[in-house]
């Protein structure tokens, strides 16, 4: 039973591996996707989402008290 599962995962791996090795246009598209994801998650986060807790509070205790206060305040 274990060898069937191992062979299944091995065959799935080689299916995708052979597909990526033999593709031409797809490699360029995957590079574009990777660059786009890097820009979205690294650069945009760094520019538009500053660490407000780090800027407004000096210690971890102050930050945790602020978060607790915000989570438990009544609306």
PDB file of N, CA and C in Angstrom:
ATOM      1  N   UNK A   1       0.831  -1.195   0.000  1.00  0.00           N
ATOM      2  CA  UNK A   1       0.000   0.000   0.000  1.00  0.00           C
ATOM      3  C   UNK A   1       0.876   1.260   0.000  1.00  0.00           C
ATOM      4  N   UNK A   2       1.950   1.227   0.813  1.00  0.00           N
ATOM      5  CA  UNK A   2       2.809   2.395   0.905  1.00  0.00           C
ATOM      6  C   UNK A   2       3.556   2.643  -0.406  1.00  0.00           C
ATOM      7  N   UNK A   3       3.925   1.586  -1.086  1.00  0.00           N
ATOM      8  CA  UNK A   3       4.630   1.763  -2.359  1.00  0.00           C
ATOM      9  C   UNK A   3       3.724   2.334  -3.430  1.00  0.00           C
ATOM     10  N   UNK A   4       2.412   2.026  -3.363  1.00  0.00           N
ATOM     11  CA  UNK A   4       1.472   2.599  -4.329  1.00  0.00           C
ATOM     12  C   UNK A   4       1.355   4.105  -4.129  1.00  0.00           C
ATOM     13  N   UNK A   5       1.314   4.520  -2.875  1.00  0.00           N
ATOM     14  CA  UNK A   5       1.212   5.953  -2.578  1.00  0.00           C
ATOM     15  C   UNK A   5       2.506   6.650  -3.001  1.00  0.00           C
ATOM     16  N   UNK A   6       3.647   6.048  -2.704  1.00  0.00           N
ATOM     17  CA  UNK A   6       4.930   6.626  -3.087  1.00  0.00           C
ATOM     18  C   UNK A   6       5.053   6.720  -4.602  1.00  0.00           C
ATOM     19  N   UNK A   7       4.656   5.668  -5.296  1.00  0.00           N
ATOM     20  CA  UNK A   7       4.710   5.691  -6.763  1.00  0.00           C
ATOM     21  C   UNK A   7       3.770   6.733  -7.333  1.00  0.00           C
ATOM     22  N   UNK A   8       2.605   6.907  -6.718  1.00  0.00           N
ATOM     23  CA  UNK A   8       1.638   7.912  -7.182  1.00  0.00           C
ATOM     24  C   UNK A   8       2.245   9.311  -7.075  1.00  0.00           C
ATOM     25  N   UNK A   9       2.802   9.637  -5.905  1.00  0.00           N
ATOM     26  CA  UNK A   9       3.378  10.972  -5.727  1.00  0.00           C
ATOM     27  C   UNK A   9       4.605  11.170  -6.616  1.00  0.00           C
ATOM     28  N   UNK A  10       5.368  10.126  -6.822  1.00  0.00           N
ATOM     29  CA  UNK A  10       6.526  10.216  -7.701  1.00  0.00           C
ATOM     30  C   UNK A  10       6.079  10.470  -9.143  1.00  0.00           C
ATOM     31  N   UNK A  11       5.037   9.776  -9.581  1.00  0.00           N
ATOM     32  CA  UNK A  11       4.566   9.979 -10.953  1.00  0.00           C
ATOM     33  C   UNK A  11       3.948  11.363 -11.132  1.00  0.00           C
ATOM     34  N   UNK A  12       3.247  11.870 -10.114  1.00  0.00           N
ATOM     35  CA  UNK A  12       2.692  13.228 -10.189  1.00  0.00           C
ATOM     36  C   UNK A  12       3.826  14.249 -10.242  1.00  0.00           C
ATOM     37  N   UNK A  13       4.854  14.052  -9.419  1.00  0.00           N
ATOM     38  CA  UNK A  13       5.999  14.968  -9.428  1.00  0.00           C
ATOM     39  C   UNK A  13       6.658  15.004 -10.804  1.00  0.00           C
ATOM     40  N   UNK A  14       6.911  13.840 -11.380  1.00  0.00           N
ATOM     41  CA  UNK A  14       7.578  13.796 -12.691  1.00  0.00           C
ATOM     42  C   UNK A  14       6.682  14.337 -13.799  1.00  0.00           C
ATOM     43  N   UNK A  15       5.381  14.217 -13.649  1.00  0.00           N
ATOM     44  CA  UNK A  15       4.467  14.802 -14.627  1.00  0.00           C
ATOM     45  C   UNK A  15       4.650  16.316 -14.677  1.00  0.00           C
ATOM     46  N   UNK A  16       4.632  16.967 -13.493  1.00  0.00           N
ATOM     47  CA  UNK A  16       4.809  18.410 -13.451  1.00  0.00           C
ATOM     48  C   UNK A  16       6.239  18.815 -13.782  1.00  0.00           C
ATOM     49  N   UNK A  17       7.211  18.027 -13.326  1.00  0.00           N
ATOM     50  CA  UNK A  17       8.620  18.340 -13.604  1.00  0.00           C
ATOM     51  C   UNK A  17       8.888  18.323 -15.106  1.00  0.00           C
ATOM     52  N   UNK A  18       8.439  17.297 -15.779  1.00  0.00           N
ATOM     53  CA  UNK A  18       8.632  17.221 -17.227  1.00  0.00           C
ATOM     54  C   UNK A  18       7.889  18.343 -17.944  1.00  0.00           C
ATOM     55  N   UNK A  19       6.728  18.683 -17.445  1.00  0.00           N
ATOM     56  CA  UNK A  19       5.965  19.768 -18.059  1.00  0.00           C
ATOM     57  C   UNK A  19       6.680  21.096 -17.954  1.00  0.00           C
ATOM     58  N   UNK A  20       7.259  21.389 -16.776  1.00  0.00           N
ATOM     59  CA  UNK A  20       7.965  22.657 -16.615  1.00  0.00           C
ATOM     60  C   UNK A  20       9.291  22.672 -17.369  1.00  0.00           C
ATOM     61  N   UNK A  21       9.970  21.552 -17.454  1.00  0.00           N
ATOM     62  CA  UNK A  21      11.244  21.506 -18.162  1.00  0.00           C
ATOM     63  C   UNK A  21      11.034  21.739 -19.654  1.00  0.00           C
ATOM     64  N   UNK A  22       9.967  21.208 -20.203  1.00  0.00           N
ATOM     65  CA  UNK A  22       9.753  21.281 -21.643  1.00  0.00           C
ATOM     66  C   UNK A  22       8.986  22.515 -22.106  1.00  0.00           C
ATOM     67  N   UNK A  23       8.512  23.351 -21.195  1.00  0.00           N
ATOM     68  CA  UNK A  23       7.733  24.502 -21.653  1.00  0.00           C
ATOM     69  C   UNK A  23       8.656  25.654 -22.042  1.00  0.00           C
ATOM     70  N   UNK A  24       8.220  26.437 -23.008  1.00  0.00           N
ATOM     71  CA  UNK A  24       9.007  27.582 -23.472  1.00  0.00           C
ATOM     72  C   UNK A  24       8.357  28.892 -23.050  1.00  0.00           C
ATOM     73  N   UNK A  25       7.147  29.149 -23.487  1.00  0.00           N
ATOM     74  CA  UNK A  25       6.459  30.399 -23.160  1.00  0.00           C
ATOM     75  C   UNK A  25       6.045  30.406 -21.699  1.00  0.00           C
ATOM     76  N   UNK A  26       5.735  29.264 -21.184  1.00  0.00           N
ATOM     77  CA  UNK A  26       5.270  29.167 -19.804  1.00  0.00           C
ATOM     78  C   UNK A  26       6.296  29.616 -18.791  1.00  0.00           C
ATOM     79  N   UNK A  27       7.581  29.370 -19.060  1.00  0.00           N
ATOM     80  CA  UNK A  27       8.621  29.815 -18.134  1.00  0.00           C
ATOM     81  C   UNK A  27       8.616  31.330 -18.002  1.00  0.00           C
ATOM     82  N   UNK A  28       8.460  32.008 -19.124  1.00  0.00           N
ATOM     83  CA  UNK A  28       8.392  33.469 -19.097  1.00  0.00           C
ATOM     84  C   UNK A  28       7.176  33.937 -18.313  1.00  0.00           C
ATOM     85  N   UNK A  29       6.063  33.276 -18.506  1.00  0.00           N
ATOM     86  CA  UNK A  29       4.854  33.654 -17.775  1.00  0.00           C
ATOM     87  C   UNK A  29       5.014  33.419 -16.281  1.00  0.00           C
ATOM     88  N   UNK A  30       5.650  32.308 -15.894  1.00  0.00           N
ATOM     89  CA  UNK A  30       5.873  32.044 -14.469  1.00  0.00           C
ATOM     90  C   UNK A  30       6.823  33.062 -13.857  1.00  0.00           C
ATOM     91  N   UNK A  31       7.806  33.518 -14.621  1.00  0.00           N
ATOM     92  CA  UNK A  31       8.703  34.569 -14.126  1.00  0.00           C
ATOM     93  C   UNK A  31       7.926  35.863 -13.921  1.00  0.00           C
ATOM     94  N   UNK A  32       7.052  36.202 -14.859  1.00  0.00           N
ATOM     95  CA  UNK A  32       6.225  37.400 -14.712  1.00  0.00           C
ATOM     96  C   UNK A  32       5.309  37.294 -13.491  1.00  0.00           C
ATOM     97  N   UNK A  33       4.736  36.122 -13.270  1.00  0.00           N
ATOM     98  CA  UNK A  33       3.874  35.919 -12.106  1.00  0.00           C
ATOM     99  C   UNK A  33       4.677  36.084 -10.826  1.00  0.00           C
ATOM    100  N   UNK A  34       5.881  35.530 -10.768  1.00  0.00           N
ATOM    101  CA  UNK A  34       6.717  35.638  -9.569  1.00  0.00           C
ATOM    102  C   UNK A  34       7.104  37.091  -9.292  1.00  0.00           C
ATOM    103  N   UNK A  35       7.452  37.825 -10.338  1.00  0.00           N
ATOM    104  CA  UNK A  35       7.805  39.243 -10.164  1.00  0.00           C
ATOM    105  C   UNK A  35       6.593  40.026  -9.682  1.00  0.00           C
ATOM    106  N   UNK A  36       5.442  39.757 -10.245  1.00  0.00           N
ATOM    107  CA  UNK A  36       4.226  40.460  -9.837  1.00  0.00           C
ATOM    108  C   UNK A  36       3.893  40.173  -8.377  1.00  0.00           C
ATOM    109  N   UNK A  37       4.009  38.935  -7.959  1.00  0.00           N
ATOM    110  CA  UNK A  37       3.741  38.593  -6.562  1.00  0.00           C
ATOM    111  C   UNK A  37       4.747  39.259  -5.626  1.00  0.00           C
ATOM    112  N   UNK A  38       6.006  39.302  -6.033  1.00  0.00           N
ATOM    113  CA  UNK A  38       7.002  39.997  -5.220  1.00  0.00           C
ATOM    114  C   UNK A  38       6.646  41.469  -5.059  1.00  0.00           C
ATOM    115  N   UNK A  39       6.265  42.113  -6.156  1.00  0.00           N
ATOM    116  CA  UNK A  39       5.893  43.532  -6.094  1.00  0.00           C
ATOM    117  C   UNK A  39       4.678  43.717  -5.205  1.00  0.00           C
ATOM    118  N   UNK A  40       3.690  42.853  -5.344  1.00  0.00           N
ATOM    119  CA  UNK A  40       2.465  43.006  -4.559  1.00  0.00           C
ATOM    120  C   UNK A  40       2.718  42.822  -3.068  1.00  0.00           C
ATOM    121  N   UNK A  41       3.469  41.798  -2.700  1.00  0.00           N
ATOM    122  CA  UNK A  41       3.584  41.473  -1.288  1.00  0.00           C
ATOM    123  C   UNK A  41       4.759  42.146  -0.585  1.00  0.00           C
ATOM    124  N   UNK A  42       5.796  42.482  -1.279  1.00  0.00           N
ATOM    125  CA  UNK A  42       6.956  43.079  -0.625  1.00  0.00           C
ATOM    126  C   UNK A  42       6.963  44.597  -0.753  1.00  0.00           C
ATOM    127  N   UNK A  43       6.930  45.085  -1.969  1.00  0.00           N
ATOM    128  CA  UNK A  43       7.092  46.519  -2.180  1.00  0.00           C
ATOM    129  C   UNK A  43       5.827  47.288  -1.801  1.00  0.00           C
ATOM    130  N   UNK A  44       4.673  46.822  -2.216  1.00  0.00           N
ATOM    131  CA  UNK A  44       3.428  47.536  -1.906  1.00  0.00           C
ATOM    132  C   UNK A  44       3.167  47.533  -0.406  1.00  0.00           C
ATOM    133  N   UNK A  45       3.431  46.419   0.257  1.00  0.00           N
ATOM    134  CA  UNK A  45       3.255  46.365   1.713  1.00  0.00           C
ATOM    135  C   UNK A  45       4.190  47.362   2.386  1.00  0.00           C
ATOM    136  N   UNK A  46       5.427  47.409   1.939  1.00  0.00           N
ATOM    137  CA  UNK A  46       6.408  48.306   2.528  1.00  0.00           C
ATOM    138  C   UNK A  46       6.019  49.775   2.326  1.00  0.00           C
ATOM    139  N   UNK A  47       5.430  50.111   1.167  1.00  0.00           N
ATOM    140  CA  UNK A  47       5.091  51.502   0.872  1.00  0.00           C
ATOM    141  C   UNK A  47       3.783  51.954   1.515  1.00  0.00           C
ATOM    142  N   UNK A  48       2.751  51.099   1.492  1.00  0.00           N
ATOM    143  CA  UNK A  48       1.418  51.541   1.864  1.00  0.00           C
ATOM    144  C   UNK A  48       0.936  51.066   3.220  1.00  0.00           C
ATOM    145  N   UNK A  49       1.615  50.127   3.842  1.00  0.00           N
ATOM    146  CA  UNK A  49       1.161  49.604   5.121  1.00  0.00           C
ATOM    147  C   UNK A  49       2.276  49.699   6.152  1.00  0.00           C
ATOM    148  N   UNK A  50       2.465  50.883   6.743  1.00  0.00           N
ATOM    149  CA  UNK A  50       3.524  51.035   7.733  1.00  0.00           C
ATOM    150  C   UNK A  50       3.172  50.287   9.027  1.00  0.00           C
ATOM    151  N   UNK A  51       4.190  49.997   9.817  1.00  0.00           N
ATOM    152  CA  UNK A  51       3.995  49.308  11.084  1.00  0.00           C
ATOM    153  C   UNK A  51       3.595  50.344  12.129  1.00  0.00           C
ATOM    154  N   UNK A  52       2.311  50.562  12.293  1.00  0.00           N
ATOM    155  CA  UNK A  52       1.791  51.605  13.170  1.00  0.00           C
ATOM    156  C   UNK A  52       2.125  51.319  14.626  1.00  0.00           C
ATOM    157  N   UNK A  53       2.034  50.071  15.034  1.00  0.00           N
ATOM    158  CA  UNK A  53       2.351  49.740  16.421  1.00  0.00           C
ATOM    159  C   UNK A  53       3.813  50.042  16.735  1.00  0.00           C
ATOM    160  N   UNK A  54       4.693  49.772  15.799  1.00  0.00           N
ATOM    161  CA  UNK A  54       6.117  50.036  16.010  1.00  0.00           C
ATOM    162  C   UNK A  54       6.382  51.536  16.100  1.00  0.00           C
ATOM    163  N   UNK A  55       5.638  52.325  15.334  1.00  0.00           N
ATOM    164  CA  UNK A  55       5.859  53.772  15.315  1.00  0.00           C
ATOM    165  C   UNK A  55       5.247  54.467  16.525  1.00  0.00           C
ATOM    166  N   UNK A  56       4.081  54.003  16.990  1.00  0.00           N
ATOM    167  CA  UNK A  56       3.363  54.720  18.034  1.00  0.00           C
ATOM    168  C   UNK A  56       3.685  54.261  19.452  1.00  0.00           C
ATOM    169  N   UNK A  57       4.225  53.076  19.620  1.00  0.00           N
ATOM    170  CA  UNK A  57       4.488  52.546  20.950  1.00  0.00           C
ATOM    171  C   UNK A  57       5.928  52.067  21.034  1.00  0.00           C
ATOM    172  N   UNK A  58       6.530  52.271  22.216  1.00  0.00           N
ATOM    173  CA  UNK A  58       7.945  51.940  22.364  1.00  0.00           C
ATOM    174  C   UNK A  58       8.182  50.523  22.869  1.00  0.00           C
ATOM    175  N   UNK A  59       7.287  49.994  23.693  1.00  0.00           N
ATOM    176  CA  UNK A  59       7.525  48.673  24.277  1.00  0.00           C
ATOM    177  C   UNK A  59       6.452  47.685  23.835  1.00  0.00           C
ATOM    178  N   UNK A  60       6.766  46.402  23.985  1.00  0.00           N
ATOM    179  CA  UNK A  60       5.795  45.353  23.660  1.00  0.00           C
ATOM    180  C   UNK A  60       4.599  45.395  24.597  1.00  0.00           C
ATOM    181  N   UNK A  61       4.816  45.808  25.833  1.00  0.00           N
ATOM    182  CA  UNK A  61       3.716  45.897  26.798  1.00  0.00           C
ATOM    183  C   UNK A  61       2.703  46.941  26.359  1.00  0.00           C
ATOM    184  N   UNK A  62       3.182  48.088  25.918  1.00  0.00           N
ATOM    185  CA  UNK A  62       2.272  49.136  25.434  1.00  0.00           C
ATOM    186  C   UNK A  62       1.503  48.660  24.203  1.00  0.00           C
ATOM    187  N   UNK A  63       2.191  47.976  23.310  1.00  0.00           N
ATOM    188  CA  UNK A  63       1.521  47.472  22.109  1.00  0.00           C
ATOM    189  C   UNK A  63       0.452  46.457  22.461  1.00  0.00           C
ATOM    190  N   UNK A  64       0.769  45.539  23.360  1.00  0.00           N
ATOM    191  CA  UNK A  64      -0.213  44.515  23.725  1.00  0.00           C
ATOM    192  C   UNK A  64      -1.398  45.120  24.463  1.00  0.00           C
ATOM    193  N   UNK A  65      -1.158  46.120  25.303  1.00  0.00           N
ATOM    194  CA  UNK A  65      -2.277  46.779  25.984  1.00  0.00           C
ATOM    195  C   UNK A  65      -3.182  47.501  24.986  1.00  0.00           C
ATOM    196  N   UNK A  66      -2.595  48.150  23.995  1.00  0.00           N
ATOM    197  CA  UNK A  66      -3.384  48.840  22.971  1.00  0.00           C
ATOM    198  C   UNK A  66      -4.235  47.850  22.178  1.00  0.00           C
ATOM    199  N   UNK A  67      -3.639  46.731  21.794  1.00  0.00           N
ATOM    200  CA  UNK A  67      -4.376  45.723  21.023  1.00  0.00           C
ATOM    201  C   UNK A  67      -5.506  45.145  21.859  1.00  0.00           C
ATOM    202  N   UNK A  68      -5.237  44.834  23.118  1.00  0.00           N
ATOM    203  CA  UNK A  68      -6.269  44.312  24.005  1.00  0.00           C
ATOM    204  C   UNK A  68      -7.401  45.313  24.169  1.00  0.00           C
ATOM    205  N   UNK A  69      -7.047  46.581  24.305  1.00  0.00           N
ATOM    206  CA  UNK A  69      -8.058  47.634  24.451  1.00  0.00           C
ATOM    207  C   UNK A  69      -8.922  47.719  23.177  1.00  0.00           C
ATOM    208  N   UNK A  70      -8.293  47.647  22.013  1.00  0.00           N
ATOM    209  CA  UNK A  70      -9.037  47.743  20.762  1.00  0.00           C
ATOM    210  C   UNK A  70      -9.941  46.529  20.533  1.00  0.00           C
ATOM    211  N   UNK A  71      -9.503  45.365  20.961  1.00  0.00           N
ATOM    212  CA  UNK A  71     -10.295  44.164  20.767  1.00  0.00           C
ATOM    213  C   UNK A  71     -11.460  44.050  21.722  1.00  0.00           C
ATOM    214  N   UNK A  72     -11.330  44.657  22.911  1.00  0.00           N
ATOM    215  CA  UNK A  72     -12.360  44.491  23.925  1.00  0.00           C
ATOM    216  C   UNK A  72     -13.252  45.711  24.111  1.00  0.00           C
ATOM    217  N   UNK A  73     -13.020  46.785  23.382  1.00  0.00           N
ATOM    218  CA  UNK A  73     -13.871  47.978  23.568  1.00  0.00           C
ATOM    219  C   UNK A  73     -15.254  47.726  22.977  1.00  0.00           C
ATOM    220  N   UNK A  74     -16.242  48.320  23.610  1.00  0.00           N
ATOM    221  CA  UNK A  74     -17.628  48.156  23.158  1.00  0.00           C
ATOM    222  C   UNK A  74     -17.912  49.103  22.005  1.00  0.00           C
ATOM    223  N   UNK A  75     -18.805  48.653  21.153  1.00  0.00           N
ATOM    224  CA  UNK A  75     -19.132  49.466  19.981  1.00  0.00           C
ATOM    225  C   UNK A  75     -20.353  50.310  20.234  1.00  0.00           C
TER     226      UNK A  75
END
